[in-house]
Amino acid sequence: MSERLDARGGPLVDLNDQLAYYDTSSYGPAAIEAMARRVGASQLVHGSDRPVLEPVPSGREAILQAAAATLLAPARLAA
């Protein structure tokens, strides 16, 4: 994502922005691993395309669910 924008003269994207989260719905284990290496596992959230598609296990379900819980924490939403 950031490389594509950079190659086309687009704006800089801060991949380390702690307020940015990335949904993993529709992506398989290889894409999720690539994103985890690029932005960090704590920035990925467990998404779903149910009922259209069943999720594919990635081996990172616990980390993805924990990040989603952090993102949706009541204290964070109230801010």
N, C-alpha and C. Protein backbone atom coordinates (compact mmCIF):
# COMPACT_ATOMS: atom_id res chain seq x y z
N MET A 1 0.83 -1.18 0.00
CA MET A 1 0.00 0.00 0.00
C MET A 1 0.87 1.25 0.00
N SER A 2 1.76 1.38 0.96
CA SER A 2 2.57 2.59 1.04
C SER A 2 3.54 2.67 -0.13
N GLU A 3 4.06 1.53 -0.59
CA GLU A 3 4.98 1.53 -1.72
C GLU A 3 4.27 1.99 -3.00
N ARG A 4 3.03 1.56 -3.18
CA ARG A 4 2.27 1.95 -4.36
C ARG A 4 2.01 3.45 -4.36
N LEU A 5 1.62 4.00 -3.22
CA LEU A 5 1.40 5.44 -3.12
C LEU A 5 2.69 6.21 -3.38
N ASP A 6 3.78 5.75 -2.78
CA ASP A 6 5.07 6.42 -2.94
C ASP A 6 5.51 6.42 -4.41
N ALA A 7 5.33 5.28 -5.08
CA ALA A 7 5.74 5.18 -6.48
C ALA A 7 4.95 6.12 -7.39
N ARG A 8 3.76 6.49 -6.96
CA ARG A 8 2.92 7.35 -7.78
C ARG A 8 2.87 8.79 -7.26
N GLY A 9 3.78 9.11 -6.34
CA GLY A 9 3.85 10.48 -5.84
C GLY A 9 2.77 10.84 -4.84
N GLY A 10 2.16 9.83 -4.24
CA GLY A 10 1.09 10.07 -3.28
C GLY A 10 1.63 10.50 -1.92
N PRO A 11 0.74 10.70 -0.97
CA PRO A 11 1.15 11.14 0.36
C PRO A 11 1.89 10.04 1.12
N LEU A 12 2.74 10.47 2.04
CA LEU A 12 3.42 9.51 2.89
C LEU A 12 2.42 8.88 3.85
N VAL A 13 2.57 7.60 4.09
CA VAL A 13 1.70 6.86 4.99
C VAL A 13 2.53 6.38 6.16
N ASP A 14 2.11 6.72 7.37
CA ASP A 14 2.81 6.28 8.57
C ASP A 14 2.31 4.90 8.96
N LEU A 15 3.07 3.87 8.59
CA LEU A 15 2.66 2.50 8.89
C LEU A 15 2.77 2.18 10.37
N ASN A 16 3.43 3.02 11.14
CA ASN A 16 3.57 2.81 12.58
C ASN A 16 2.55 3.60 13.39
N ASP A 17 1.58 4.19 12.73
CA ASP A 17 0.53 4.95 13.42
C ASP A 17 -0.26 4.01 14.31
N GLN A 18 -0.21 4.22 15.62
CA GLN A 18 -0.88 3.35 16.57
C GLN A 18 -2.40 3.46 16.52
N LEU A 19 -2.92 4.41 15.76
CA LEU A 19 -4.36 4.54 15.59
C LEU A 19 -4.85 3.86 14.31
N ALA A 20 -3.94 3.31 13.53
CA ALA A 20 -4.31 2.63 12.29
C ALA A 20 -4.36 1.12 12.52
N TYR A 21 -5.47 0.52 12.11
CA TYR A 21 -5.64 -0.92 12.19
C TYR A 21 -6.00 -1.44 10.81
N TYR A 22 -5.64 -2.69 10.56
CA TYR A 22 -5.85 -3.28 9.25
C TYR A 22 -6.70 -4.54 9.41
N ASP A 23 -7.82 -4.58 8.70
CA ASP A 23 -8.75 -5.71 8.73
C ASP A 23 -8.19 -6.85 7.88
N THR A 24 -8.28 -8.07 8.38
CA THR A 24 -7.72 -9.22 7.67
C THR A 24 -8.76 -10.05 6.93
N SER A 25 -10.01 -9.57 6.86
CA SER A 25 -11.02 -10.38 6.17
C SER A 25 -10.64 -10.60 4.72
N SER A 26 -10.92 -11.78 4.23
CA SER A 26 -10.65 -12.22 2.85
C SER A 26 -9.18 -12.51 2.56
N TYR A 27 -8.32 -12.35 3.53
CA TYR A 27 -6.91 -12.63 3.30
C TYR A 27 -6.51 -13.95 3.93
N GLY A 28 -5.62 -14.64 3.28
CA GLY A 28 -5.12 -15.91 3.79
C GLY A 28 -3.86 -15.73 4.62
N PRO A 29 -3.32 -16.84 5.11
CA PRO A 29 -2.15 -16.79 5.99
C PRO A 29 -0.94 -16.05 5.40
N ALA A 30 -0.65 -16.21 4.12
CA ALA A 30 0.52 -15.55 3.52
C ALA A 30 0.38 -14.03 3.54
N ALA A 31 -0.79 -13.53 3.18
CA ALA A 31 -1.01 -12.08 3.18
C ALA A 31 -1.00 -11.53 4.60
N ILE A 32 -1.58 -12.26 5.54
CA ILE A 32 -1.60 -11.80 6.94
C ILE A 32 -0.17 -11.76 7.49
N GLU A 33 0.64 -12.75 7.18
CA GLU A 33 2.04 -12.75 7.62
C GLU A 33 2.80 -11.58 7.03
N ALA A 34 2.57 -11.29 5.75
CA ALA A 34 3.25 -10.16 5.10
C ALA A 34 2.85 -8.84 5.77
N MET A 35 1.58 -8.67 6.07
CA MET A 35 1.13 -7.45 6.74
C MET A 35 1.69 -7.36 8.16
N ALA A 36 1.74 -8.49 8.86
CA ALA A 36 2.29 -8.49 10.22
C ALA A 36 3.76 -8.06 10.19
N ARG A 37 4.50 -8.51 9.21
CA ARG A 37 5.91 -8.09 9.09
C ARG A 37 6.01 -6.61 8.75
N ARG A 38 5.08 -6.10 7.96
CA ARG A 38 5.16 -4.71 7.49
C ARG A 38 4.68 -3.70 8.52
N VAL A 39 3.54 -3.99 9.19
CA VAL A 39 2.96 -3.01 10.10
C VAL A 39 2.96 -3.45 11.56
N GLY A 40 3.25 -4.73 11.81
CA GLY A 40 3.22 -5.26 13.17
C GLY A 40 1.92 -5.98 13.45
N ALA A 41 2.00 -7.09 14.11
CA ALA A 41 0.83 -7.93 14.37
C ALA A 41 -0.22 -7.21 15.21
N SER A 42 0.20 -6.32 16.09
CA SER A 42 -0.77 -5.65 16.96
C SER A 42 -1.65 -4.65 16.21
N GLN A 43 -1.31 -4.35 14.95
CA GLN A 43 -2.12 -3.43 14.16
C GLN A 43 -3.13 -4.17 13.27
N LEU A 44 -3.10 -5.50 13.31
CA LEU A 44 -4.02 -6.29 12.50
C LEU A 44 -5.21 -6.70 13.35
N VAL A 45 -6.40 -6.67 12.77
CA VAL A 45 -7.60 -7.10 13.48
C VAL A 45 -8.25 -8.24 12.72
N HIS A 46 -8.93 -9.09 13.48
CA HIS A 46 -9.60 -10.26 12.92
C HIS A 46 -10.90 -9.82 12.26
N GLY A 47 -10.93 -9.92 10.95
CA GLY A 47 -12.13 -9.56 10.21
C GLY A 47 -12.83 -10.80 9.70
N SER A 48 -14.01 -10.63 9.18
CA SER A 48 -14.77 -11.77 8.67
C SER A 48 -15.64 -11.33 7.51
N ASP A 49 -15.76 -12.21 6.54
CA ASP A 49 -16.68 -12.00 5.42
C ASP A 49 -17.86 -12.95 5.52
N ARG A 50 -18.09 -13.47 6.72
CA ARG A 50 -19.24 -14.35 6.91
C ARG A 50 -20.51 -13.59 6.63
N PRO A 51 -21.49 -14.14 6.08
CA PRO A 51 -21.69 -15.54 5.71
C PRO A 51 -21.23 -15.87 4.30
N VAL A 52 -20.64 -14.93 3.59
CA VAL A 52 -20.21 -15.20 2.22
C VAL A 52 -19.05 -16.18 2.18
N LEU A 53 -18.02 -15.94 2.97
CA LEU A 53 -16.85 -16.81 3.02
C LEU A 53 -16.52 -17.17 4.46
N GLU A 54 -16.11 -18.39 4.67
CA GLU A 54 -15.62 -18.81 5.97
C GLU A 54 -14.17 -18.36 6.11
N PRO A 55 -13.77 -17.93 7.30
CA PRO A 55 -12.39 -17.49 7.47
C PRO A 55 -11.40 -18.64 7.32
N VAL A 56 -10.23 -18.34 6.80
CA VAL A 56 -9.15 -19.31 6.66
C VAL A 56 -8.23 -19.15 7.87
N PRO A 57 -7.98 -20.23 8.62
CA PRO A 57 -7.09 -20.10 9.77
C PRO A 57 -5.72 -19.58 9.37
N SER A 58 -5.21 -18.64 10.16
CA SER A 58 -3.91 -18.04 9.85
C SER A 58 -2.84 -18.40 10.87
N GLY A 59 -3.26 -18.94 12.01
CA GLY A 59 -2.30 -19.20 13.08
C GLY A 59 -2.10 -17.99 13.98
N ARG A 60 -2.74 -16.89 13.64
CA ARG A 60 -2.62 -15.65 14.41
C ARG A 60 -3.94 -15.22 15.01
N GLU A 61 -4.90 -16.12 15.10
CA GLU A 61 -6.23 -15.75 15.56
C GLU A 61 -6.23 -15.05 16.92
N ALA A 62 -5.47 -15.57 17.87
CA ALA A 62 -5.46 -14.96 19.21
C ALA A 62 -4.93 -13.52 19.16
N ILE A 63 -3.87 -13.28 18.40
CA ILE A 63 -3.31 -11.94 18.29
C ILE A 63 -4.28 -11.00 17.58
N LEU A 64 -4.91 -11.49 16.51
CA LEU A 64 -5.87 -10.67 15.76
C LEU A 64 -7.08 -10.32 16.61
N GLN A 65 -7.57 -11.27 17.39
CA GLN A 65 -8.72 -11.01 18.24
C GLN A 65 -8.36 -10.06 19.38
N ALA A 66 -7.15 -10.18 19.93
CA ALA A 66 -6.72 -9.27 20.99
C ALA A 66 -6.62 -7.84 20.47
N ALA A 67 -6.11 -7.67 19.27
CA ALA A 67 -6.01 -6.32 18.68
C ALA A 67 -7.40 -5.74 18.47
N ALA A 68 -8.34 -6.56 18.02
CA ALA A 68 -9.71 -6.08 17.83
C ALA A 68 -10.34 -5.68 19.16
N ALA A 69 -10.08 -6.46 20.21
CA ALA A 69 -10.62 -6.13 21.53
C ALA A 69 -10.04 -4.81 22.03
N THR A 70 -8.77 -4.57 21.77
CA THR A 70 -8.14 -3.30 22.16
C THR A 70 -8.78 -2.14 21.40
N LEU A 71 -8.96 -2.34 20.11
CA LEU A 71 -9.55 -1.29 19.27
C LEU A 71 -10.96 -0.94 19.70
N LEU A 72 -11.72 -1.94 20.13
CA LEU A 72 -13.12 -1.73 20.48
C LEU A 72 -13.36 -1.59 21.97
N ALA A 73 -12.31 -1.41 22.75
CA ALA A 73 -12.46 -1.26 24.21
C ALA A 73 -13.33 -0.04 24.52
N PRO A 74 -14.25 -0.16 25.48
CA PRO A 74 -15.15 0.95 25.82
C PRO A 74 -14.40 2.26 26.14
N ALA A 75 -13.29 2.18 26.86
CA ALA A 75 -12.54 3.40 27.22
C ALA A 75 -12.00 4.08 25.96
N ARG A 76 -11.57 3.29 25.00
CA ARG A 76 -11.03 3.86 23.76
C ARG A 76 -12.15 4.49 22.93
N LEU A 77 -13.30 3.86 22.90
CA LEU A 77 -14.42 4.39 22.13
C LEU A 77 -14.98 5.67 22.71
N ALA A 78 -14.85 5.83 24.03
CA ALA A 78 -15.37 7.03 24.70
C ALA A 78 -14.48 8.25 24.47
N ALA A 79 -13.23 8.01 24.09
CA ALA A 79 -12.28 9.12 23.90
C ALA A 79 -12.58 9.94 22.68
